[in-house]
């Protein structure tokens, strides 16, 4: 399983992730050549994610060709650096019993919760 967060190199830089999309595609190819299934964890709702980066995700996934794609929403968990950086007024789902990574919990700076909701199925 690979936690890639995003294929967009600009988004990855903003979240201090040092695995550019090209490296991820190469890793998937190497796994396949060695008979190993690849599972990609992609996170929607990362800082400054836009319609442009989200709409590009399905194309990037097709190009990379993982065997499985697990789409998640960023969730403000207290034991993660990104979780601790979320301000209280950014949380759109206050009931933590409903946090399941499949629905938006944090308000995107560029999209409404309604606009964010469909993207995990991409």
PDB file of N, CA and C in Angstrom:
ATOM      1  N   UNK A   1       0.848  -1.166   0.000  1.00  0.00           N
ATOM      2  CA  UNK A   1       0.000   0.000   0.000  1.00  0.00           C
ATOM      3  C   UNK A   1       0.901   1.239   0.000  1.00  0.00           C
ATOM      4  N   UNK A   2       0.561   2.171  -0.868  1.00  0.00           N
ATOM      5  CA  UNK A   2       1.328   3.413  -0.952  1.00  0.00           C
ATOM      6  C   UNK A   2       0.423   4.591  -0.623  1.00  0.00           C
ATOM      7  N   UNK A   3       0.816   5.392   0.339  1.00  0.00           N
ATOM      8  CA  UNK A   3       0.090   6.615   0.659  1.00  0.00           C
ATOM      9  C   UNK A   3       0.678   7.748  -0.158  1.00  0.00           C
ATOM     10  N   UNK A   4       0.094   7.986  -1.309  1.00  0.00           N
ATOM     11  CA  UNK A   4       0.674   8.992  -2.200  1.00  0.00           C
ATOM     12  C   UNK A   4       0.096  10.382  -1.973  1.00  0.00           C
ATOM     13  N   UNK A   5      -1.060  10.445  -1.335  1.00  0.00           N
ATOM     14  CA  UNK A   5      -1.797  11.681  -1.107  1.00  0.00           C
ATOM     15  C   UNK A   5      -2.316  12.288  -2.399  1.00  0.00           C
ATOM     16  N   UNK A   6      -1.452  12.537  -3.373  1.00  0.00           N
ATOM     17  CA  UNK A   6      -1.859  13.179  -4.625  1.00  0.00           C
ATOM     18  C   UNK A   6      -0.825  12.846  -5.696  1.00  0.00           C
ATOM     19  N   UNK A   7      -1.233  12.964  -6.947  1.00  0.00           N
ATOM     20  CA  UNK A   7      -0.274  12.851  -8.050  1.00  0.00           C
ATOM     21  C   UNK A   7       0.243  14.226  -8.455  1.00  0.00           C
ATOM     22  N   UNK A   8      -0.389  15.276  -7.967  1.00  0.00           N
ATOM     23  CA  UNK A   8      -0.016  16.632  -8.356  1.00  0.00           C
ATOM     24  C   UNK A   8       1.214  17.080  -7.562  1.00  0.00           C
ATOM     25  N   UNK A   9       2.308  17.332  -8.275  1.00  0.00           N
ATOM     26  CA  UNK A   9       3.556  17.687  -7.598  1.00  0.00           C
ATOM     27  C   UNK A   9       3.460  18.968  -6.785  1.00  0.00           C
ATOM     28  N   UNK A  10       2.671  19.945  -7.231  1.00  0.00           N
ATOM     29  CA  UNK A  10       2.506  21.188  -6.462  1.00  0.00           C
ATOM     30  C   UNK A  10       1.783  20.925  -5.144  1.00  0.00           C
ATOM     31  N   UNK A  11       0.749  20.088  -5.171  1.00  0.00           N
ATOM     32  CA  UNK A  11       0.026  19.731  -3.944  1.00  0.00           C
ATOM     33  C   UNK A  11       0.977  18.985  -3.009  1.00  0.00           C
ATOM     34  N   UNK A  12       1.754  18.058  -3.560  1.00  0.00           N
ATOM     35  CA  UNK A  12       2.697  17.284  -2.741  1.00  0.00           C
ATOM     36  C   UNK A  12       3.723  18.177  -2.058  1.00  0.00           C
ATOM     37  N   UNK A  13       4.197  19.189  -2.758  1.00  0.00           N
ATOM     38  CA  UNK A  13       5.157  20.125  -2.149  1.00  0.00           C
ATOM     39  C   UNK A  13       4.533  20.853  -0.969  1.00  0.00           C
ATOM     40  N   UNK A  14       3.266  21.243  -1.109  1.00  0.00           N
ATOM     41  CA  UNK A  14       2.596  21.997  -0.044  1.00  0.00           C
ATOM     42  C   UNK A  14       2.400  21.171   1.217  1.00  0.00           C
ATOM     43  N   UNK A  15       2.336  19.834   1.064  1.00  0.00           N
ATOM     44  CA  UNK A  15       2.161  18.977   2.242  1.00  0.00           C
ATOM     45  C   UNK A  15       3.459  18.249   2.607  1.00  0.00           C
ATOM     46  N   UNK A  16       4.574  18.758   2.063  1.00  0.00           N
ATOM     47  CA  UNK A  16       5.905  18.219   2.367  1.00  0.00           C
ATOM     48  C   UNK A  16       6.041  16.727   2.089  1.00  0.00           C
ATOM     49  N   UNK A  17       5.471  16.289   1.000  1.00  0.00           N
ATOM     50  CA  UNK A  17       5.583  14.884   0.593  1.00  0.00           C
ATOM     51  C   UNK A  17       6.634  14.791  -0.505  1.00  0.00           C
ATOM     52  N   UNK A  18       7.625  13.968  -0.316  1.00  0.00           N
ATOM     53  CA  UNK A  18       8.768  13.925  -1.232  1.00  0.00           C
ATOM     54  C   UNK A  18       8.701  12.759  -2.222  1.00  0.00           C
ATOM     55  N   UNK A  19       7.520  12.449  -2.716  1.00  0.00           N
ATOM     56  CA  UNK A  19       7.423  11.403  -3.731  1.00  0.00           C
ATOM     57  C   UNK A  19       6.645  11.926  -4.940  1.00  0.00           C
ATOM     58  N   UNK A  20       7.353  12.538  -5.886  1.00  0.00           N
ATOM     59  CA  UNK A  20       6.682  13.063  -7.072  1.00  0.00           C
ATOM     60  C   UNK A  20       5.915  11.972  -7.818  1.00  0.00           C
ATOM     61  N   UNK A  21       4.920  12.390  -8.592  1.00  0.00           N
ATOM     62  CA  UNK A  21       4.076  11.453  -9.333  1.00  0.00           C
ATOM     63  C   UNK A  21       4.864  10.472 -10.178  1.00  0.00           C
ATOM     64  N   UNK A  22       5.969  10.912 -10.769  1.00  0.00           N
ATOM     65  CA  UNK A  22       6.782  10.030 -11.602  1.00  0.00           C
ATOM     66  C   UNK A  22       7.352   8.853 -10.825  1.00  0.00           C
ATOM     67  N   UNK A  23       7.758   9.097  -9.593  1.00  0.00           N
ATOM     68  CA  UNK A  23       8.292   8.024  -8.751  1.00  0.00           C
ATOM     69  C   UNK A  23       7.185   7.030  -8.400  1.00  0.00           C
ATOM     70  N   UNK A  24       5.994   7.544  -8.135  1.00  0.00           N
ATOM     71  CA  UNK A  24       4.863   6.662  -7.826  1.00  0.00           C
ATOM     72  C   UNK A  24       4.540   5.781  -9.021  1.00  0.00           C
ATOM     73  N   UNK A  25       4.492   6.362 -10.215  1.00  0.00           N
ATOM     74  CA  UNK A  25       4.210   5.564 -11.415  1.00  0.00           C
ATOM     75  C   UNK A  25       5.281   4.488 -11.624  1.00  0.00           C
ATOM     76  N   UNK A  26       6.527   4.841 -11.377  1.00  0.00           N
ATOM     77  CA  UNK A  26       7.613   3.869 -11.514  1.00  0.00           C
ATOM     78  C   UNK A  26       7.475   2.745 -10.491  1.00  0.00           C
ATOM     79  N   UNK A  27       7.116   3.092  -9.259  1.00  0.00           N
ATOM     80  CA  UNK A  27       6.932   2.082  -8.207  1.00  0.00           C
ATOM     81  C   UNK A  27       5.807   1.115  -8.576  1.00  0.00           C
ATOM     82  N   UNK A  28       4.712   1.628  -9.104  1.00  0.00           N
ATOM     83  CA  UNK A  28       3.592   0.774  -9.520  1.00  0.00           C
ATOM     84  C   UNK A  28       4.045  -0.178 -10.616  1.00  0.00           C
ATOM     85  N   UNK A  29       4.790   0.334 -11.568  1.00  0.00           N
ATOM     86  CA  UNK A  29       5.295  -0.490 -12.667  1.00  0.00           C
ATOM     87  C   UNK A  29       6.221  -1.594 -12.150  1.00  0.00           C
ATOM     88  N   UNK A  30       7.119  -1.261 -11.227  1.00  0.00           N
ATOM     89  CA  UNK A  30       8.021  -2.257 -10.652  1.00  0.00           C
ATOM     90  C   UNK A  30       7.266  -3.331  -9.874  1.00  0.00           C
ATOM     91  N   UNK A  31       6.263  -2.916  -9.112  1.00  0.00           N
ATOM     92  CA  UNK A  31       5.446  -3.883  -8.378  1.00  0.00           C
ATOM     93  C   UNK A  31       4.768  -4.852  -9.349  1.00  0.00           C
ATOM     94  N   UNK A  32       4.171  -4.304 -10.401  1.00  0.00           N
ATOM     95  CA  UNK A  32       3.464  -5.140 -11.383  1.00  0.00           C
ATOM     96  C   UNK A  32       4.423  -6.138 -12.042  1.00  0.00           C
ATOM     97  N   UNK A  33       5.608  -5.664 -12.434  1.00  0.00           N
ATOM     98  CA  UNK A  33       6.585  -6.555 -13.082  1.00  0.00           C
ATOM     99  C   UNK A  33       7.019  -7.697 -12.171  1.00  0.00           C
ATOM    100  N   UNK A  34       6.881  -7.495 -10.871  1.00  0.00           N
ATOM    101  CA  UNK A  34       7.264  -8.518  -9.909  1.00  0.00           C
ATOM    102  C   UNK A  34       6.070  -9.262  -9.312  1.00  0.00           C
ATOM    103  N   UNK A  35       4.910  -9.126  -9.957  1.00  0.00           N
ATOM    104  CA  UNK A  35       3.721  -9.870  -9.543  1.00  0.00           C
ATOM    105  C   UNK A  35       3.103  -9.420  -8.241  1.00  0.00           C
ATOM    106  N   UNK A  36       3.317  -8.156  -7.873  1.00  0.00           N
ATOM    107  CA  UNK A  36       2.787  -7.621  -6.618  1.00  0.00           C
ATOM    108  C   UNK A  36       1.688  -6.605  -6.938  1.00  0.00           C
ATOM    109  N   UNK A  37       0.539  -6.758  -6.295  1.00  0.00           N
ATOM    110  CA  UNK A  37      -0.556  -5.812  -6.495  1.00  0.00           C
ATOM    111  C   UNK A  37      -0.227  -4.475  -5.844  1.00  0.00           C
ATOM    112  N   UNK A  38      -0.654  -3.402  -6.487  1.00  0.00           N
ATOM    113  CA  UNK A  38      -0.416  -2.066  -5.931  1.00  0.00           C
ATOM    114  C   UNK A  38      -1.721  -1.463  -5.435  1.00  0.00           C
ATOM    115  N   UNK A  39      -1.651  -0.864  -4.259  1.00  0.00           N
ATOM    116  CA  UNK A  39      -2.782  -0.177  -3.655  1.00  0.00           C
ATOM    117  C   UNK A  39      -2.343   1.259  -3.386  1.00  0.00           C
ATOM    118  N   UNK A  40      -3.094   2.209  -3.908  1.00  0.00           N
ATOM    119  CA  UNK A  40      -2.787   3.629  -3.763  1.00  0.00           C
ATOM    120  C   UNK A  40      -3.798   4.267  -2.814  1.00  0.00           C
ATOM    121  N   UNK A  41      -3.316   4.955  -1.793  1.00  0.00           N
ATOM    122  CA  UNK A  41      -4.165   5.784  -0.935  1.00  0.00           C
ATOM    123  C   UNK A  41      -4.036   7.216  -1.407  1.00  0.00           C
ATOM    124  N   UNK A  42      -5.104   7.780  -1.920  1.00  0.00           N
ATOM    125  CA  UNK A  42      -5.125   9.181  -2.318  1.00  0.00           C
ATOM    126  C   UNK A  42      -6.006   9.961  -1.360  1.00  0.00           C
ATOM    127  N   UNK A  43      -5.578  11.148  -0.995  1.00  0.00           N
ATOM    128  CA  UNK A  43      -6.340  11.955  -0.034  1.00  0.00           C
ATOM    129  C   UNK A  43      -6.887  13.195  -0.722  1.00  0.00           C
ATOM    130  N   UNK A  44      -8.192  13.385  -0.622  1.00  0.00           N
ATOM    131  CA  UNK A  44      -8.846  14.583  -1.143  1.00  0.00           C
ATOM    132  C   UNK A  44      -8.990  15.589  -0.011  1.00  0.00           C
ATOM    133  N   UNK A  45      -8.865  16.863  -0.348  1.00  0.00           N
ATOM    134  CA  UNK A  45      -9.025  17.910   0.656  1.00  0.00           C
ATOM    135  C   UNK A  45      -7.720  18.422   1.205  1.00  0.00           C
ATOM    136  N   UNK A  46      -6.627  18.098   0.547  1.00  0.00           N
ATOM    137  CA  UNK A  46      -5.339  18.626   0.990  1.00  0.00           C
ATOM    138  C   UNK A  46      -5.288  20.127   0.754  1.00  0.00           C
ATOM    139  N   UNK A  47      -4.363  20.790   1.421  1.00  0.00           N
ATOM    140  CA  UNK A  47      -4.259  22.248   1.340  1.00  0.00           C
ATOM    141  C   UNK A  47      -4.267  22.753  -0.093  1.00  0.00           C
ATOM    142  N   UNK A  48      -5.096  23.740  -0.333  1.00  0.00           N
ATOM    143  CA  UNK A  48      -5.170  24.428  -1.628  1.00  0.00           C
ATOM    144  C   UNK A  48      -5.500  23.512  -2.799  1.00  0.00           C
ATOM    145  N   UNK A  49      -6.084  22.368  -2.531  1.00  0.00           N
ATOM    146  CA  UNK A  49      -6.515  21.515  -3.633  1.00  0.00           C
ATOM    147  C   UNK A  49      -7.607  22.261  -4.393  1.00  0.00           C
ATOM    148  N   UNK A  50      -7.601  22.120  -5.694  1.00  0.00           N
ATOM    149  CA  UNK A  50      -8.540  22.874  -6.527  1.00  0.00           C
ATOM    150  C   UNK A  50      -9.293  21.915  -7.447  1.00  0.00           C
ATOM    151  N   UNK A  51     -10.264  22.470  -8.146  1.00  0.00           N
ATOM    152  CA  UNK A  51     -10.969  21.682  -9.157  1.00  0.00           C
ATOM    153  C   UNK A  51      -9.983  21.109 -10.161  1.00  0.00           C
ATOM    154  N   UNK A  52      -9.005  21.889 -10.528  1.00  0.00           N
ATOM    155  CA  UNK A  52      -8.020  21.447 -11.520  1.00  0.00           C
ATOM    156  C   UNK A  52      -7.275  20.193 -11.035  1.00  0.00           C
ATOM    157  N   UNK A  53      -6.816  20.191  -9.787  1.00  0.00           N
ATOM    158  CA  UNK A  53      -6.078  19.025  -9.297  1.00  0.00           C
ATOM    159  C   UNK A  53      -7.001  17.831  -9.104  1.00  0.00           C
ATOM    160  N   UNK A  54      -8.219  18.074  -8.659  1.00  0.00           N
ATOM    161  CA  UNK A  54      -9.155  16.965  -8.444  1.00  0.00           C
ATOM    162  C   UNK A  54      -9.594  16.344  -9.771  1.00  0.00           C
ATOM    163  N   UNK A  55      -9.896  17.174 -10.756  1.00  0.00           N
ATOM    164  CA  UNK A  55     -10.328  16.641 -12.047  1.00  0.00           C
ATOM    165  C   UNK A  55      -9.200  15.898 -12.763  1.00  0.00           C
ATOM    166  N   UNK A  56      -7.983  16.223 -12.424  1.00  0.00           N
ATOM    167  CA  UNK A  56      -6.822  15.563 -13.026  1.00  0.00           C
ATOM    168  C   UNK A  56      -6.562  14.186 -12.394  1.00  0.00           C
ATOM    169  N   UNK A  57      -7.066  13.946 -11.198  1.00  0.00           N
ATOM    170  CA  UNK A  57      -6.794  12.705 -10.472  1.00  0.00           C
ATOM    171  C   UNK A  57      -7.181  11.445 -11.242  1.00  0.00           C
ATOM    172  N   UNK A  58      -8.399  11.334 -11.799  1.00  0.00           N
ATOM    173  CA  UNK A  58      -8.731  10.104 -12.535  1.00  0.00           C
ATOM    174  C   UNK A  58      -7.791   9.856 -13.720  1.00  0.00           C
ATOM    175  N   UNK A  59      -7.368  10.907 -14.389  1.00  0.00           N
ATOM    176  CA  UNK A  59      -6.425  10.748 -15.503  1.00  0.00           C
ATOM    177  C   UNK A  59      -5.076  10.238 -15.001  1.00  0.00           C
ATOM    178  N   UNK A  60      -4.616  10.804 -13.886  1.00  0.00           N
ATOM    179  CA  UNK A  60      -3.352  10.362 -13.301  1.00  0.00           C
ATOM    180  C   UNK A  60      -3.432   8.903 -12.847  1.00  0.00           C
ATOM    181  N   UNK A  61      -4.575   8.526 -12.289  1.00  0.00           N
ATOM    182  CA  UNK A  61      -4.750   7.139 -11.851  1.00  0.00           C
ATOM    183  C   UNK A  61      -4.713   6.177 -13.039  1.00  0.00           C
ATOM    184  N   UNK A  62      -5.389   6.537 -14.123  1.00  0.00           N
ATOM    185  CA  UNK A  62      -5.358   5.684 -15.314  1.00  0.00           C
ATOM    186  C   UNK A  62      -3.939   5.551 -15.855  1.00  0.00           C
ATOM    187  N   UNK A  63      -3.225   6.663 -15.880  1.00  0.00           N
ATOM    188  CA  UNK A  63      -1.857   6.647 -16.397  1.00  0.00           C
ATOM    189  C   UNK A  63      -0.947   5.800 -15.497  1.00  0.00           C
ATOM    190  N   UNK A  64      -1.111   5.902 -14.180  1.00  0.00           N
ATOM    191  CA  UNK A  64      -0.270   5.147 -13.247  1.00  0.00           C
ATOM    192  C   UNK A  64      -0.666   3.670 -13.203  1.00  0.00           C
ATOM    193  N   UNK A  65      -1.965   3.391 -13.327  1.00  0.00           N
ATOM    194  CA  UNK A  65      -2.447   2.021 -13.386  1.00  0.00           C
ATOM    195  C   UNK A  65      -2.339   1.189 -12.130  1.00  0.00           C
ATOM    196  N   UNK A  66      -2.632   1.752 -10.931  1.00  0.00           N
ATOM    197  CA  UNK A  66      -2.591   0.895  -9.742  1.00  0.00           C
ATOM    198  C   UNK A  66      -3.692  -0.163  -9.823  1.00  0.00           C
ATOM    199  N   UNK A  67      -3.501  -1.257  -9.105  1.00  0.00           N
ATOM    200  CA  UNK A  67      -4.516  -2.305  -9.090  1.00  0.00           C
ATOM    201  C   UNK A  67      -5.736  -1.866  -8.280  1.00  0.00           C
ATOM    202  N   UNK A  68      -5.507  -1.089  -7.234  1.00  0.00           N
ATOM    203  CA  UNK A  68      -6.590  -0.592  -6.385  1.00  0.00           C
ATOM    204  C   UNK A  68      -6.307   0.863  -6.023  1.00  0.00           C
ATOM    205  N   UNK A  69      -7.385   1.644  -5.885  1.00  0.00           N
ATOM    206  CA  UNK A  69      -7.271   3.038  -5.455  1.00  0.00           C
ATOM    207  C   UNK A  69      -8.211   3.235  -4.279  1.00  0.00           C
ATOM    208  N   UNK A  70      -7.663   3.627  -3.166  1.00  0.00           N
ATOM    209  CA  UNK A  70      -8.447   3.908  -1.978  1.00  0.00           C
ATOM    210  C   UNK A  70      -8.502   5.428  -1.814  1.00  0.00           C
ATOM    211  N   UNK A  71      -9.670   6.007  -2.076  1.00  0.00           N
ATOM    212  CA  UNK A  71      -9.829   7.458  -2.008  1.00  0.00           C
ATOM    213  C   UNK A  71     -10.357   7.861  -0.633  1.00  0.00           C
ATOM    214  N   UNK A  72      -9.660   8.808  -0.018  1.00  0.00           N
ATOM    215  CA  UNK A  72      -9.994   9.249   1.331  1.00  0.00           C
ATOM    216  C   UNK A  72     -10.090  10.766   1.387  1.00  0.00           C
ATOM    217  N   UNK A  73     -10.800  11.271   2.387  1.00  0.00           N
ATOM    218  CA  UNK A  73     -10.805  12.702   2.674  1.00  0.00           C
ATOM    219  C   UNK A  73      -9.869  12.964   3.844  1.00  0.00           C
ATOM    220  N   UNK A  74      -9.197  14.089   3.796  1.00  0.00           N
ATOM    221  CA  UNK A  74      -8.358  14.490   4.911  1.00  0.00           C
ATOM    222  C   UNK A  74      -9.232  14.655   6.152  1.00  0.00           C
ATOM    223  N   UNK A  75      -8.780  14.100   7.259  1.00  0.00           N
ATOM    224  CA  UNK A  75      -9.528  14.160   8.515  1.00  0.00           C
ATOM    225  C   UNK A  75      -8.600  14.737   9.580  1.00  0.00           C
ATOM    226  N   UNK A  76      -9.072  15.688  10.392  1.00  0.00           N
ATOM    227  CA  UNK A  76      -8.204  16.374  11.361  1.00  0.00           C
ATOM    228  C   UNK A  76      -7.909  15.551  12.610  1.00  0.00           C
ATOM    229  N   UNK A  77      -7.143  14.497  12.438  1.00  0.00           N
ATOM    230  CA  UNK A  77      -6.793  13.639  13.568  1.00  0.00           C
ATOM    231  C   UNK A  77      -5.669  14.285  14.383  1.00  0.00           C
ATOM    232  N   UNK A  78      -5.823  14.270  15.681  1.00  0.00           N
ATOM    233  CA  UNK A  78      -4.899  15.001  16.557  1.00  0.00           C
ATOM    234  C   UNK A  78      -3.492  14.425  16.571  1.00  0.00           C
ATOM    235  N   UNK A  79      -3.316  13.186  16.186  1.00  0.00           N
ATOM    236  CA  UNK A  79      -1.977  12.588  16.217  1.00  0.00           C
ATOM    237  C   UNK A  79      -1.195  12.798  14.917  1.00  0.00           C
ATOM    238  N   UNK A  80      -1.780  13.559  13.962  1.00  0.00           N
ATOM    239  CA  UNK A  80      -1.057  13.867  12.728  1.00  0.00           C
ATOM    240  C   UNK A  80      -0.750  15.361  12.664  1.00  0.00           C
ATOM    241  N   UNK A  81       0.348  15.689  12.016  1.00  0.00           N
ATOM    242  CA  UNK A  81       0.741  17.095  11.886  1.00  0.00           C
ATOM    243  C   UNK A  81      -0.343  17.890  11.149  1.00  0.00           C
ATOM    244  N   UNK A  82      -0.833  17.355  10.024  1.00  0.00           N
ATOM    245  CA  UNK A  82      -1.881  18.065   9.281  1.00  0.00           C
ATOM    246  C   UNK A  82      -3.163  18.173  10.097  1.00  0.00           C
ATOM    247  N   UNK A  83      -3.480  17.148  10.861  1.00  0.00           N
ATOM    248  CA  UNK A  83      -4.675  17.194  11.703  1.00  0.00           C
ATOM    249  C   UNK A  83      -4.611  18.292  12.744  1.00  0.00           C
ATOM    250  N   UNK A  84      -3.444  18.446  13.352  1.00  0.00           N
ATOM    251  CA  UNK A  84      -3.265  19.490  14.370  1.00  0.00           C
ATOM    252  C   UNK A  84      -3.265  20.886  13.759  1.00  0.00           C
ATOM    253  N   UNK A  85      -2.971  20.990  12.461  1.00  0.00           N
ATOM    254  CA  UNK A  85      -2.907  22.316  11.832  1.00  0.00           C
ATOM    255  C   UNK A  85      -4.283  22.837  11.387  1.00  0.00           C
ATOM    256  N   UNK A  86      -5.302  22.010  11.482  1.00  0.00           N
ATOM    257  CA  UNK A  86      -6.650  22.426  11.066  1.00  0.00           C
ATOM    258  C   UNK A  86      -7.263  23.308  12.153  1.00  0.00           C
ATOM    259  N   UNK A  87      -7.756  24.449  11.746  1.00  0.00           N
ATOM    260  CA  UNK A  87      -8.424  25.356  12.680  1.00  0.00           C
ATOM    261  C   UNK A  87      -9.855  24.895  12.903  1.00  0.00           C
ATOM    262  N   UNK A  88     -10.347  25.100  14.119  1.00  0.00           N
ATOM    263  CA  UNK A  88     -11.689  24.668  14.507  1.00  0.00           C
ATOM    264  C   UNK A  88     -12.757  25.142  13.521  1.00  0.00           C
ATOM    265  N   UNK A  89     -12.631  26.377  13.034  1.00  0.00           N
ATOM    266  CA  UNK A  89     -13.665  26.919  12.139  1.00  0.00           C
ATOM    267  C   UNK A  89     -13.615  26.305  10.730  1.00  0.00           C
ATOM    268  N   UNK A  90     -12.619  25.472  10.436  1.00  0.00           N
ATOM    269  CA  UNK A  90     -12.540  24.791   9.148  1.00  0.00           C
ATOM    270  C   UNK A  90     -13.280  23.456   9.155  1.00  0.00           C
ATOM    271  N   UNK A  91     -13.635  22.965  10.329  1.00  0.00           N
ATOM    272  CA  UNK A  91     -14.287  21.660  10.437  1.00  0.00           C
ATOM    273  C   UNK A  91     -15.769  21.815  10.127  1.00  0.00           C
ATOM    274  N   UNK A  92     -16.235  21.047   9.138  1.00  0.00           N
ATOM    275  CA  UNK A  92     -17.639  21.156   8.716  1.00  0.00           C
ATOM    276  C   UNK A  92     -18.492  20.015   9.257  1.00  0.00           C
ATOM    277  N   UNK A  93     -17.867  18.980   9.803  1.00  0.00           N
ATOM    278  CA  UNK A  93     -18.600  17.880  10.437  1.00  0.00           C
ATOM    279  C   UNK A  93     -18.092  17.771  11.867  1.00  0.00           C
ATOM    280  N   UNK A  94     -18.870  18.291  12.792  1.00  0.00           N
ATOM    281  CA  UNK A  94     -18.429  18.349  14.185  1.00  0.00           C
ATOM    282  C   UNK A  94     -18.584  17.009  14.914  1.00  0.00           C
ATOM    283  N   UNK A  95     -19.500  16.160  14.465  1.00  0.00           N
ATOM    284  CA  UNK A  95     -19.758  14.883  15.118  1.00  0.00           C
ATOM    285  C   UNK A  95     -18.664  13.886  14.719  1.00  0.00           C
ATOM    286  N   UNK A  96     -17.710  13.667  15.612  1.00  0.00           N
ATOM    287  CA  UNK A  96     -16.575  12.789  15.294  1.00  0.00           C
ATOM    288  C   UNK A  96     -16.997  11.340  15.058  1.00  0.00           C
ATOM    289  N   UNK A  97     -18.160  10.953  15.548  1.00  0.00           N
ATOM    290  CA  UNK A  97     -18.617   9.582  15.294  1.00  0.00           C
ATOM    291  C   UNK A  97     -18.960   9.374  13.817  1.00  0.00           C
ATOM    292  N   UNK A  98     -19.086  10.469  13.068  1.00  0.00           N
ATOM    293  CA  UNK A  98     -19.378  10.380  11.632  1.00  0.00           C
ATOM    294  C   UNK A  98     -18.124  10.501  10.766  1.00  0.00           C
ATOM    295  N   UNK A  99     -16.970  10.683  11.386  1.00  0.00           N
ATOM    296  CA  UNK A  99     -15.726  10.770  10.622  1.00  0.00           C
ATOM    297  C   UNK A  99     -15.338   9.377  10.156  1.00  0.00           C
ATOM    298  N   UNK A 100     -15.339   9.157   8.857  1.00  0.00           N
ATOM    299  CA  UNK A 100     -14.986   7.833   8.343  1.00  0.00           C
ATOM    300  C   UNK A 100     -14.051   7.898   7.135  1.00  0.00           C
ATOM    301  N   UNK A 101     -13.457   9.036   6.855  1.00  0.00           N
ATOM    302  CA  UNK A 101     -12.531   9.251   5.747  1.00  0.00           C
ATOM    303  C   UNK A 101     -13.215   9.231   4.385  1.00  0.00           C
ATOM    304  N   UNK A 102     -14.499   8.923   4.337  1.00  0.00           N
ATOM    305  CA  UNK A 102     -15.218   8.841   3.061  1.00  0.00           C
ATOM    306  C   UNK A 102     -16.050  10.090   2.762  1.00  0.00           C
ATOM    307  N   UNK A 103     -16.193  10.931   3.771  1.00  0.00           N
ATOM    308  CA  UNK A 103     -16.956  12.172   3.597  1.00  0.00           C
ATOM    309  C   UNK A 103     -16.085  13.356   3.995  1.00  0.00           C
ATOM    310  N   UNK A 104     -16.302  14.509   3.367  1.00  0.00           N
ATOM    311  CA  UNK A 104     -15.489  15.666   3.759  1.00  0.00           C
ATOM    312  C   UNK A 104     -15.756  16.078   5.206  1.00  0.00           C
ATOM    313  N   UNK A 105     -14.682  16.374   5.929  1.00  0.00           N
ATOM    314  CA  UNK A 105     -14.760  16.817   7.316  1.00  0.00           C
ATOM    315  C   UNK A 105     -14.231  18.238   7.432  1.00  0.00           C
ATOM    316  N   UNK A 106     -13.288  18.591   6.548  1.00  0.00           N
ATOM    317  CA  UNK A 106     -12.641  19.895   6.577  1.00  0.00           C
ATOM    318  C   UNK A 106     -13.091  20.714   5.377  1.00  0.00           C
ATOM    319  N   UNK A 107     -13.440  21.964   5.619  1.00  0.00           N
ATOM    320  CA  UNK A 107     -13.843  22.862   4.541  1.00  0.00           C
ATOM    321  C   UNK A 107     -12.656  23.184   3.650  1.00  0.00           C
ATOM    322  N   UNK A 108     -12.795  22.900   2.376  1.00  0.00           N
ATOM    323  CA  UNK A 108     -11.760  23.250   1.401  1.00  0.00           C
ATOM    324  C   UNK A 108     -11.774  24.755   1.185  1.00  0.00           C
ATOM    325  N   UNK A 109     -10.602  25.309   0.916  1.00  0.00           N
ATOM    326  CA  UNK A 109     -10.538  26.747   0.668  1.00  0.00           C
ATOM    327  C   UNK A 109     -11.116  27.110  -0.692  1.00  0.00           C
ATOM    328  N   UNK A 110     -11.271  26.126  -1.579  1.00  0.00           N
ATOM    329  CA  UNK A 110     -11.724  26.436  -2.930  1.00  0.00           C
ATOM    330  C   UNK A 110     -13.020  25.745  -3.333  1.00  0.00           C
ATOM    331  N   UNK A 111     -13.584  24.882  -2.458  1.00  0.00           N
ATOM    332  CA  UNK A 111     -14.810  24.158  -2.806  1.00  0.00           C
ATOM    333  C   UNK A 111     -15.737  24.061  -1.604  1.00  0.00           C
ATOM    334  N   UNK A 112     -17.019  24.001  -1.885  1.00  0.00           N
ATOM    335  CA  UNK A 112     -18.003  23.812  -0.822  1.00  0.00           C
ATOM    336  C   UNK A 112     -18.026  22.334  -0.425  1.00  0.00           C
ATOM    337  N   UNK A 113     -18.583  21.997   0.760  1.00  0.00           N
ATOM    338  CA  UNK A 113     -18.694  20.581   1.148  1.00  0.00           C
ATOM    339  C   UNK A 113     -19.474  19.761   0.112  1.00  0.00           C
ATOM    340  N   UNK A 114     -20.510  20.365  -0.466  1.00  0.00           N
ATOM    341  CA  UNK A 114     -21.302  19.684  -1.508  1.00  0.00           C
ATOM    342  C   UNK A 114     -20.433  19.355  -2.707  1.00  0.00           C
ATOM    343  N   UNK A 115     -19.568  20.286  -3.089  1.00  0.00           N
ATOM    344  CA  UNK A 115     -18.675  20.054  -4.234  1.00  0.00           C
ATOM    345  C   UNK A 115     -17.615  19.011  -3.899  1.00  0.00           C
ATOM    346  N   UNK A 116     -17.171  18.949  -2.652  1.00  0.00           N
ATOM    347  CA  UNK A 116     -16.146  17.994  -2.250  1.00  0.00           C
ATOM    348  C   UNK A 116     -16.670  16.570  -2.177  1.00  0.00           C
ATOM    349  N   UNK A 117     -17.914  16.378  -1.793  1.00  0.00           N
ATOM    350  CA  UNK A 117     -18.454  15.064  -1.475  1.00  0.00           C
ATOM    351  C   UNK A 117     -18.322  14.008  -2.566  1.00  0.00           C
ATOM    352  N   UNK A 118     -18.527  14.311  -3.847  1.00  0.00           N
ATOM    353  CA  UNK A 118     -18.478  13.223  -4.844  1.00  0.00           C
ATOM    354  C   UNK A 118     -17.094  12.680  -5.127  1.00  0.00           C
ATOM    355  N   UNK A 119     -16.044  13.379  -4.776  1.00  0.00           N
ATOM    356  CA  UNK A 119     -14.722  13.027  -5.290  1.00  0.00           C
ATOM    357  C   UNK A 119     -14.097  11.754  -4.753  1.00  0.00           C
ATOM    358  N   UNK A 120     -14.447  11.202  -3.606  1.00  0.00           N
ATOM    359  CA  UNK A 120     -13.791   9.952  -3.213  1.00  0.00           C
ATOM    360  C   UNK A 120     -14.050   8.803  -4.180  1.00  0.00           C
ATOM    361  N   UNK A 121     -15.129   8.864  -4.953  1.00  0.00           N
ATOM    362  CA  UNK A 121     -15.435   7.755  -5.844  1.00  0.00           C
ATOM    363  C   UNK A 121     -14.691   7.847  -7.168  1.00  0.00           C
ATOM    364  N   UNK A 122     -13.829   8.868  -7.354  1.00  0.00           N
ATOM    365  CA  UNK A 122     -13.170   9.049  -8.646  1.00  0.00           C
ATOM    366  C   UNK A 122     -12.179   7.965  -8.961  1.00  0.00           C
TER     367      UNK A 122
END
